[in-house]
Protein backbone atom coordinates (compact mmCIF):
# COMPACT_ATOMS: atom_id res chain seq x y z
CA UNK A 1 30.71 -52.57 -29.32
CA UNK A 2 33.61 -53.61 -27.25
CA UNK A 3 33.93 -53.25 -23.48
CA UNK A 4 36.14 -50.15 -23.67
CA UNK A 5 33.59 -48.27 -25.81
CA UNK A 6 30.74 -49.24 -23.46
CA UNK A 7 32.75 -48.08 -20.48
CA UNK A 8 33.40 -44.68 -22.13
CA UNK A 9 29.70 -44.27 -23.02
CA UNK A 10 28.68 -45.27 -19.50
CA UNK A 11 31.11 -42.76 -17.97
CA UNK A 12 29.82 -39.99 -20.28
CA UNK A 13 26.17 -40.74 -19.37
CA UNK A 14 27.01 -40.81 -15.65
CA UNK A 15 28.90 -37.52 -15.97
CA UNK A 16 25.94 -35.92 -17.77
CA UNK A 17 23.57 -37.13 -15.07
CA UNK A 18 25.90 -35.88 -12.33
CA UNK A 19 26.16 -32.46 -13.98
CA UNK A 20 22.40 -32.11 -14.61
CA UNK A 21 21.15 -33.12 -11.14
CA UNK A 22 22.26 -29.98 -9.17
CA UNK A 23 20.46 -27.52 -11.51
CA UNK A 24 17.35 -29.70 -11.45
CA UNK A 25 17.43 -29.75 -7.66
CA UNK A 26 17.89 -25.97 -7.66
CA UNK A 27 14.83 -25.52 -9.88
CA UNK A 28 12.85 -27.91 -7.72
CA UNK A 29 13.82 -26.02 -4.54
CA UNK A 30 12.80 -22.68 -6.12
CA UNK A 31 9.48 -24.17 -7.21
CA UNK A 32 8.79 -25.53 -3.71
CA UNK A 33 9.74 -22.18 -2.14
CA UNK A 34 7.37 -20.33 -4.49
CA UNK A 35 4.55 -22.68 -3.53
CA UNK A 36 5.30 -22.24 0.17
CA UNK A 37 5.51 -18.47 -0.32
CA UNK A 38 2.09 -18.52 -1.96
CA UNK A 39 0.68 -20.51 0.96
CA UNK A 40 2.24 -18.04 3.43
CA UNK A 41 0.80 -15.10 1.47
CA UNK A 42 -2.64 -16.67 1.62
CA UNK A 43 -2.25 -17.27 5.37
CA UNK A 44 -1.13 -13.67 5.86
CA UNK A 45 -4.07 -12.31 3.86
CA UNK A 46 -6.53 -14.45 5.82
CA UNK A 47 -4.97 -13.38 9.13
CA UNK A 48 -5.20 -9.70 8.15
CA UNK A 49 -8.84 -10.10 7.10
CA UNK A 50 -9.64 -11.78 10.43
CA UNK A 51 -7.78 -9.15 12.46
CA UNK A 52 -9.47 -6.31 10.55
CA UNK A 53 -12.89 -7.80 11.28
CA UNK A 54 -11.98 -8.22 14.96
CA UNK A 55 -10.75 -4.62 15.13
CA UNK A 56 -13.95 -3.49 13.42
CA UNK A 57 -15.99 -5.21 16.12
CA UNK A 58 -13.86 -3.74 18.91
CA UNK A 59 -14.21 -0.29 17.34
CA UNK A 60 -18.00 -0.67 17.18
CA UNK A 61 -18.10 -1.77 20.84
CA UNK A 62 -15.81 1.03 22.04
CA UNK A 63 -16.89 4.45 20.80
CA UNK A 64 -13.59 5.98 21.97
CA UNK A 65 -11.64 3.77 19.54
CA UNK A 66 -10.46 5.47 16.37
CA UNK A 67 -9.39 4.01 13.07
CA UNK A 68 -5.79 4.40 14.23
CA UNK A 69 -6.49 2.33 17.34
CA UNK A 70 -8.00 -0.38 15.16
CA UNK A 71 -5.09 -0.28 12.71
CA UNK A 72 -2.56 -0.57 15.55
CA UNK A 73 -4.50 -3.53 16.94
CA UNK A 74 -4.31 -5.27 13.53
CA UNK A 75 -0.61 -4.48 13.10
CA UNK A 76 0.23 -5.83 16.56
CA UNK A 77 -1.79 -9.02 16.01
CA UNK A 78 -0.22 -9.71 12.61
CA UNK A 79 3.35 -8.94 13.67
CA UNK A 80 2.96 -11.51 16.48
CA UNK A 81 2.04 -14.16 13.91
CA UNK A 82 4.30 -13.00 11.07
CA UNK A 83 7.30 -11.22 12.63
CA UNK A 84 9.16 -10.92 9.31
CA UNK A 85 6.29 -9.24 7.43
CA UNK A 86 7.21 -6.11 5.49
CA UNK A 87 5.48 -3.13 7.21
CA UNK A 88 4.60 -1.51 3.89
CA UNK A 89 2.99 -4.69 2.60
CA UNK A 90 1.13 -5.10 5.89
CA UNK A 91 -0.14 -1.52 5.71
CA UNK A 92 -1.37 -2.09 2.16
CA UNK A 93 -3.09 -5.34 3.11
CA UNK A 94 -4.82 -3.69 6.07
CA UNK A 95 -6.07 -0.83 3.91
CA UNK A 96 -7.25 -3.26 1.23
CA UNK A 97 -9.18 -5.31 3.79
CA UNK A 98 -10.78 -2.19 5.27
CA UNK A 99 -11.81 -0.99 1.80
CA UNK A 100 -13.19 -4.46 1.05
CA UNK A 101 -15.40 -4.22 4.15
CA UNK A 102 -16.63 -0.81 3.03
CA UNK A 103 -17.37 -1.92 -0.53
CA UNK A 104 -19.21 -5.01 0.68
CA UNK A 105 -21.19 -2.97 3.20
CA UNK A 106 -19.79 -5.04 6.06
CA UNK A 107 -18.48 -2.21 8.23
CA UNK A 108 -20.05 -2.39 11.65
CA UNK A 109 -22.27 0.33 13.09
CA UNK A 110 -24.32 0.71 16.23
CA UNK A 111 -28.07 0.91 15.70
CA UNK A 112 -30.44 3.24 17.52
CA UNK A 113 -31.36 0.23 19.65
CA UNK A 114 -27.72 -0.34 20.55
CA UNK A 115 -27.19 -3.44 18.40
CA UNK A 116 -24.10 -3.86 16.27
CA UNK A 117 -24.92 -4.60 12.62
CA UNK A 118 -23.29 -4.19 9.23
CA UNK A 119 -23.83 -0.95 7.36
CA UNK A 120 -25.76 -2.79 4.67
CA UNK A 121 -28.14 -4.23 7.29
CA UNK A 122 -28.44 -0.85 9.00
CA UNK A 123 -29.34 0.82 5.72
CA UNK A 124 -31.80 -1.91 4.86
CA UNK A 125 -33.69 -1.43 8.08
CA UNK A 126 -32.86 2.28 8.43
CA UNK A 127 -31.52 1.65 11.94
CA UNK A 128 -28.10 3.27 11.81
CA UNK A 129 -27.33 6.00 14.25
CA UNK A 130 -26.81 9.20 12.30
CA UNK A 131 -23.20 10.28 12.12
CA UNK A 132 -24.15 13.80 11.06
CA UNK A 133 -27.17 15.87 11.92
CA UNK A 134 -29.67 15.65 9.07
CA UNK A 135 -31.02 18.91 7.79
CA UNK A 136 -34.80 19.14 7.90
CA UNK A 137 -36.82 21.01 5.36
CA UNK A 138 -39.04 23.72 6.73
């Protein structure tokens, strides 16, 4: 091949490389963003779980606290850490974490002795304070 042909081939290869780099960078940026988004989602989920457990403890320690007080506490704590969080997604995450506590038997209750234990522990040792009056058979 002569020099003119090599120069044309070189220019074509360089043009192809120049044209293909921006889309590759775009794909790479999207991939990195998706990985970062996944990390942020995991951080958000962990933060919600932690805040729900903290609210559960505060609710067990303060009999005047309601579920709404606890939920507001969690929302306030999470919004401080994640100000751009979607409120609907946050609400769903909070409810999911609360249900997870219930299913696992990790809701907190006050025992007859005044200790705070999980519902599963309270049931195991039959120490939970009754929430409703039990009917006795005559």
